[in-house]
Amino acid sequence: LKAGAEGREVFMNFSHIFGRFPAFMLGLATRSGNMADIFDSTATFIERDMEINKSVRKALLSPLITIAATLAAFGYYVLSIFPATATLFAKYDMETPPLTKLTLDFSHWLGRTWWILGLAALGIVLILWRWWSTPKGRIWRDRNIVKIPVVGPLIHKMSIEIYFRVFGTIYSGAGDNIETIRVAAEACRNGWMEDRIKRITIPLMLREGEAFVPAMEAAGVFTRTSLTRLKTGQETGNLLSASQQIANFYEAETNYRMANTIEMIQTVVWLFVAAAITFLTLVSAEVANISPPTY
């Protein structure tokens, strides 16, 4: 109000607080006659984005924590509890049962090398964290994360859903289609998709005058279903409706499949935990059945 700056410029200066897409939409609303709809669309996007992040964390982070806790308990048993019990029989010069001997050998090896393994794991985590914090590392991570079995295709489709949800929202209120494509790419939460759209799709449209759908197809990041629906929307002059339909379709599909995927992952994790507990039970039972000589 005091400096007479444009709303979009002001909000974009605070994109690190609001997020790039919400800041863009807030700025767009200040010069649009459709503020209520734009605010509503922005709120819908933010809610959906939070829901997707929550689902991904539930599918990946929770099982990793459970597995890490199981491995930590297993390591404590093998390093501390089991040797204290098993070595009691060493002075009797008894023949050690095979499973007990194998576990005891592993315990001695782990006792000598645990710090090396810990440093190696910490080094790998730090290297990956630093690598993923760079633009090239983020692109590499997001390109390969969609290749993970079961979870990868879901993450990919979620990014496609966000892209078309953002694209449809901005396309309805902005006349600059290139800016719409760029902002939607930045909002899709996938560095690989963003890079391909910016390096291939946008240059094809600007330099070679390529049509929107063929330029999108050339990026190689969209599914055949989304491209087919987008092509139909372009041919009928209803690109906005096609974008919204793609977003709604993938929202319904990913919600259904994510619930099934989470259940499947949790089943696999609990089988892993059960296998670890079974192994520890067998080893403990074998140690308990050792009878030292009475003479």
Protein backbone atom coordinates (compact mmCIF):
# COMPACT_ATOMS: atom_id res chain seq x y z
CA LEU A 1 0.00 0.00 0.00
CA LYS A 2 2.74 2.49 0.90
CA ALA A 3 5.22 1.76 -1.89
CA GLY A 4 2.62 0.98 -4.54
CA ALA A 5 4.24 -2.35 -5.38
CA GLU A 6 2.32 -4.99 -7.27
CA GLY A 7 0.80 -7.69 -5.07
CA ARG A 8 2.51 -10.50 -6.97
CA GLU A 9 5.93 -8.92 -6.50
CA VAL A 10 5.35 -8.42 -2.79
CA PHE A 11 4.13 -11.95 -2.12
CA MET A 12 6.88 -13.53 -4.20
CA ASN A 13 9.44 -11.77 -2.00
CA PHE A 14 8.07 -13.90 0.85
CA SER A 15 7.88 -17.17 -1.08
CA HIS A 16 10.30 -18.72 1.44
CA ILE A 17 7.53 -18.34 4.04
CA PHE A 18 4.38 -19.05 2.05
CA GLY A 19 5.91 -21.40 -0.53
CA ARG A 20 6.41 -20.50 -4.16
CA PHE A 21 3.03 -21.65 -5.43
CA PRO A 22 0.90 -20.14 -2.60
CA ALA A 23 2.84 -16.87 -2.92
CA PHE A 24 2.26 -16.87 -6.66
CA MET A 25 -1.45 -17.52 -6.17
CA LEU A 26 -1.82 -14.83 -3.50
CA GLY A 27 -0.15 -12.36 -5.83
CA LEU A 28 -2.36 -13.50 -8.70
CA ALA A 29 -5.47 -13.02 -6.56
CA THR A 30 -4.64 -9.37 -5.90
CA ARG A 31 -4.97 -8.51 -9.60
CA SER A 32 -7.77 -10.92 -10.39
CA GLY A 33 -11.50 -10.49 -10.13
CA ASN A 34 -11.81 -14.07 -8.89
CA MET A 35 -10.07 -13.88 -5.51
CA ALA A 36 -12.43 -16.24 -3.64
CA ASP A 37 -11.98 -19.07 -6.15
CA ILE A 38 -8.22 -18.59 -6.25
CA PHE A 39 -7.96 -18.65 -2.46
CA ASP A 40 -10.14 -21.76 -2.36
CA SER A 41 -7.99 -23.48 -4.99
CA THR A 42 -4.83 -22.54 -3.10
CA ALA A 43 -6.23 -23.99 0.13
CA THR A 44 -7.22 -27.19 -1.68
CA PHE A 45 -3.71 -27.52 -3.10
CA ILE A 46 -2.06 -27.01 0.28
CA GLU A 47 -4.36 -29.54 1.97
CA ARG A 48 -3.75 -32.10 -0.75
CA ASP A 49 0.00 -31.49 -0.64
CA MET A 50 0.03 -32.06 3.12
CA GLU A 51 -2.04 -35.22 2.70
CA ILE A 52 0.39 -36.58 0.11
CA ASN A 53 3.41 -35.83 2.32
CA LYS A 54 1.69 -37.57 5.22
CA SER A 55 0.94 -40.64 3.10
CA VAL A 56 4.50 -40.86 1.79
CA ARG A 57 5.93 -40.55 5.30
CA LYS A 58 3.57 -43.25 6.52
CA ALA A 59 4.53 -45.53 3.64
CA LEU A 60 8.30 -45.02 3.88
CA LEU A 61 9.38 -43.42 7.16
CA SER A 62 7.38 -45.49 9.66
CA PRO A 63 8.55 -48.88 8.25
CA LEU A 64 12.16 -47.64 8.20
CA ILE A 65 11.92 -46.61 11.86
CA THR A 66 10.41 -49.99 12.77
CA ILE A 67 13.14 -51.88 10.91
CA ALA A 68 15.86 -49.71 12.47
CA ALA A 69 14.46 -50.32 15.97
CA THR A 70 14.31 -54.07 15.31
CA LEU A 71 17.91 -54.14 14.06
CA ALA A 72 19.03 -52.11 17.09
CA ALA A 73 17.34 -54.56 19.49
CA PHE A 74 18.80 -57.50 17.54
CA GLY A 75 22.28 -55.97 17.68
CA TYR A 76 22.03 -55.32 21.42
CA TYR A 77 21.01 -58.92 22.04
CA VAL A 78 23.79 -60.33 19.87
CA LEU A 79 26.49 -58.01 21.23
CA SER A 80 25.59 -57.94 24.91
CA ILE A 81 23.03 -60.44 26.15
CA PHE A 82 23.84 -63.53 24.08
CA PRO A 83 27.64 -63.61 24.59
CA ALA A 84 27.22 -63.23 28.37
CA THR A 85 25.10 -66.37 28.38
CA ALA A 86 26.82 -68.48 25.73
CA THR A 87 30.39 -67.97 26.97
CA LEU A 88 29.48 -69.49 30.33
CA PHE A 89 29.76 -72.89 28.68
CA ALA A 90 33.14 -72.24 27.02
CA LYS A 91 35.14 -73.27 30.09
CA TYR A 92 33.61 -76.74 29.96
CA ASP A 93 35.11 -77.33 26.50
CA MET A 94 31.73 -78.48 25.21
CA GLU A 95 30.68 -78.86 21.61
CA THR A 96 28.67 -75.77 20.78
CA PRO A 97 25.46 -76.28 18.76
CA PRO A 98 25.69 -74.94 15.18
CA LEU A 99 23.24 -72.05 15.50
CA THR A 100 24.77 -70.94 18.79
CA LYS A 101 28.30 -71.15 17.35
CA LEU A 102 27.25 -69.17 14.27
CA THR A 103 25.62 -66.47 16.39
CA LEU A 104 28.60 -66.32 18.74
CA ASP A 105 31.04 -65.93 15.84
CA PHE A 106 28.86 -63.19 14.39
CA SER A 107 28.74 -61.50 17.81
CA HIS A 108 32.56 -61.49 18.05
CA TRP A 109 32.88 -60.14 14.50
CA LEU A 110 30.27 -57.46 15.14
CA GLY A 111 31.95 -56.52 18.40
CA ARG A 112 35.20 -55.83 16.51
CA THR A 113 33.71 -54.00 13.55
CA TRP A 114 30.55 -52.24 14.82
CA TRP A 115 32.25 -48.84 14.92
CA ILE A 116 33.52 -49.29 11.36
CA LEU A 117 30.02 -50.20 10.17
CA GLY A 118 28.55 -47.26 12.10
CA LEU A 119 31.02 -44.78 10.60
CA ALA A 120 30.43 -46.21 7.12
CA ALA A 121 26.65 -45.91 7.50
CA LEU A 122 26.96 -42.36 8.88
CA GLY A 123 29.29 -41.41 6.04
CA ILE A 124 26.88 -42.76 3.42
CA VAL A 125 23.98 -40.86 5.00
CA LEU A 126 25.95 -37.60 5.12
CA ILE A 127 27.18 -37.99 1.54
CA LEU A 128 23.66 -38.70 0.27
CA TRP A 129 22.23 -35.81 2.29
CA ARG A 130 24.81 -33.39 0.89
CA TRP A 131 24.37 -34.77 -2.63
CA TRP A 132 20.59 -34.57 -2.47
CA SER A 133 20.77 -30.98 -1.26
CA THR A 134 22.37 -29.95 -4.57
CA PRO A 135 20.26 -29.39 -7.72
CA LYS A 136 21.85 -32.31 -9.57
CA GLY A 137 21.51 -34.58 -6.56
CA ARG A 138 17.84 -33.71 -6.14
CA ILE A 139 17.18 -34.48 -9.80
CA TRP A 140 19.03 -37.80 -9.52
CA ARG A 141 17.10 -38.73 -6.36
CA ASP A 142 13.68 -37.87 -7.79
CA ARG A 143 14.43 -39.61 -11.10
CA ASN A 144 15.32 -42.84 -9.31
CA ILE A 145 12.75 -42.70 -6.53
CA VAL A 146 9.95 -43.23 -9.06
CA LYS A 147 11.66 -46.51 -10.03
CA ILE A 148 11.19 -48.02 -6.55
CA PRO A 149 8.82 -50.98 -6.86
CA VAL A 150 5.25 -50.40 -5.67
CA VAL A 151 5.90 -47.02 -3.99
CA GLY A 152 7.73 -45.32 -6.88
CA PRO A 153 4.82 -45.28 -9.38
CA LEU A 154 2.54 -43.89 -6.66
CA ILE A 155 4.94 -41.05 -5.89
CA HIS A 156 5.23 -40.33 -9.61
CA LYS A 157 1.45 -40.17 -10.07
CA MET A 158 1.13 -37.94 -7.02
CA SER A 159 3.57 -35.49 -8.60
CA ILE A 160 1.59 -35.61 -11.85
CA GLU A 161 -1.59 -34.95 -9.90
CA ILE A 162 -0.07 -31.91 -8.18
CA TYR A 163 1.28 -30.62 -11.49
CA PHE A 164 -2.10 -30.67 -13.22
CA ARG A 165 -3.93 -29.39 -10.16
CA VAL A 166 -1.63 -26.38 -10.05
CA PHE A 167 -1.67 -25.98 -13.82
CA GLY A 168 -5.47 -26.02 -13.92
CA THR A 169 -5.72 -23.50 -11.09
CA ILE A 170 -3.28 -20.99 -12.58
CA TYR A 171 -4.45 -21.53 -16.16
CA SER A 172 -7.91 -20.38 -15.17
CA GLY A 173 -6.59 -17.03 -13.90
CA ALA A 174 -3.40 -16.24 -15.79
CA GLY A 175 -2.80 -15.56 -19.44
CA ASP A 176 0.90 -16.41 -19.53
CA ASN A 177 0.93 -20.13 -20.33
CA ILE A 178 4.71 -20.43 -20.14
CA GLU A 179 4.70 -19.00 -16.64
CA THR A 180 1.85 -21.37 -15.79
CA ILE A 181 3.86 -24.38 -16.98
CA ARG A 182 6.95 -23.22 -15.10
CA VAL A 183 5.20 -22.59 -11.79
CA ALA A 184 3.29 -25.90 -12.01
CA ALA A 185 6.59 -27.71 -12.60
CA GLU A 186 8.15 -26.07 -9.55
CA ALA A 187 5.12 -27.00 -7.42
CA CYS A 188 5.00 -30.70 -8.36
CA ARG A 189 7.59 -31.65 -5.71
CA ASN A 190 9.73 -33.64 -8.13
CA GLY A 191 13.06 -32.18 -9.22
CA TRP A 192 13.39 -34.59 -12.16
CA MET A 193 9.99 -33.62 -13.60
CA GLU A 194 10.69 -29.94 -13.01
CA ASP A 195 14.06 -30.16 -14.77
CA ARG A 196 12.69 -32.03 -17.81
CA ILE A 197 9.77 -29.63 -18.23
CA LYS A 198 12.03 -26.57 -17.97
CA ARG A 199 14.78 -27.94 -20.19
CA ILE A 200 12.66 -29.66 -22.84
CA THR A 201 8.99 -28.69 -22.83
CA ILE A 202 9.33 -24.92 -22.42
CA PRO A 203 12.23 -24.50 -24.91
CA LEU A 204 10.34 -26.58 -27.49
CA MET A 205 7.33 -24.28 -27.17
CA LEU A 206 9.33 -21.04 -27.20
CA ARG A 207 12.05 -21.75 -29.76
CA GLU A 208 10.43 -24.24 -32.10
CA GLY A 209 6.78 -23.31 -31.69
CA GLU A 210 5.84 -26.84 -30.67
CA ALA A 211 2.26 -27.44 -29.52
CA PHE A 212 1.63 -27.89 -25.83
CA VAL A 213 0.84 -31.61 -25.71
CA PRO A 214 3.72 -32.79 -27.99
CA ALA A 215 6.11 -30.61 -25.98
CA MET A 216 4.84 -32.17 -22.77
CA GLU A 217 5.21 -35.65 -24.24
CA ALA A 218 8.80 -34.91 -25.27
CA ALA A 219 9.72 -34.35 -21.62
CA GLY A 220 9.14 -38.06 -20.96
CA VAL A 221 7.80 -37.56 -17.44
CA PHE A 222 4.04 -37.91 -17.97
CA THR A 223 2.01 -41.10 -18.21
CA ARG A 224 0.25 -42.16 -21.39
CA THR A 225 -3.13 -41.74 -19.69
CA SER A 226 -2.49 -38.11 -18.75
CA LEU A 227 -1.14 -37.25 -22.21
CA THR A 228 -4.11 -38.85 -23.96
CA ARG A 229 -6.60 -36.94 -21.82
CA LEU A 230 -4.62 -33.72 -22.27
CA LYS A 231 -4.59 -34.17 -26.04
CA THR A 232 -8.37 -34.63 -26.06
CA GLY A 233 -8.78 -31.47 -24.00
CA GLN A 234 -6.57 -29.48 -26.35
CA GLU A 235 -8.44 -30.70 -29.42
CA THR A 236 -11.80 -29.78 -27.89
CA GLY A 237 -10.55 -26.44 -26.58
CA ASN A 238 -11.15 -27.47 -22.97
CA LEU A 239 -7.62 -27.79 -21.60
CA LEU A 240 -8.62 -26.51 -18.17
CA SER A 241 -11.27 -29.20 -17.69
CA ALA A 242 -8.85 -31.88 -18.91
CA SER A 243 -6.23 -30.79 -16.38
CA GLN A 244 -8.73 -30.91 -13.55
CA GLN A 245 -9.96 -34.34 -14.64
CA ILE A 246 -6.40 -35.70 -14.70
CA ALA A 247 -5.75 -34.34 -11.20
CA ASN A 248 -9.00 -35.78 -9.84
CA PHE A 249 -8.41 -39.15 -11.51
CA TYR A 250 -4.93 -39.54 -10.05
CA GLU A 251 -6.09 -38.31 -6.65
CA ALA A 252 -8.71 -41.08 -6.51
CA GLU A 253 -6.28 -43.71 -7.82
CA THR A 254 -3.38 -42.81 -5.53
CA ASN A 255 -5.62 -42.60 -2.45
CA TYR A 256 -6.93 -46.11 -3.09
CA ARG A 257 -3.57 -47.64 -3.98
CA MET A 258 -1.67 -45.85 -1.23
CA ALA A 259 -3.95 -47.37 1.42
CA ASN A 260 -3.32 -50.86 -0.01
CA THR A 261 0.41 -50.19 -0.36
CA ILE A 262 0.72 -49.06 3.25
CA GLU A 263 -1.02 -52.23 4.43
CA MET A 264 1.27 -54.38 2.28
CA ILE A 265 4.42 -52.61 3.50
CA GLN A 266 3.30 -52.94 7.11
CA THR A 267 2.70 -56.66 6.56
CA VAL A 268 6.21 -57.11 5.15
CA VAL A 269 7.71 -55.15 8.04
CA TRP A 270 5.89 -57.23 10.63
CA LEU A 271 7.04 -60.41 8.88
CA PHE A 272 10.60 -59.11 9.15
CA VAL A 273 10.11 -58.37 12.86
CA ALA A 274 8.55 -61.81 13.37
CA ALA A 275 11.50 -63.47 11.59
CA ALA A 276 13.98 -61.62 13.83
CA ILE A 277 12.06 -62.59 16.97
CA THR A 278 11.83 -66.21 15.80
CA PHE A 279 15.58 -66.37 15.21
CA LEU A 280 16.35 -64.94 18.64
CA THR A 281 13.90 -67.39 20.22
CA LEU A 282 15.54 -70.37 18.48
CA VAL A 283 19.02 -69.27 19.55
CA SER A 284 17.88 -68.70 23.13
CA ALA A 285 16.15 -72.07 23.22
CA GLU A 286 19.27 -73.78 21.89
CA VAL A 287 21.42 -72.15 24.58
CA ALA A 288 18.90 -73.09 27.25
CA ASN A 289 19.06 -76.76 26.23
CA ILE A 290 22.85 -76.98 26.56
CA SER A 291 23.70 -79.25 29.49
CA PRO A 292 27.22 -78.91 30.86
CA PRO A 293 28.84 -82.06 32.25
CA THR A 294 28.22 -82.70 35.93
CA TYR A 295 31.63 -84.26 36.69
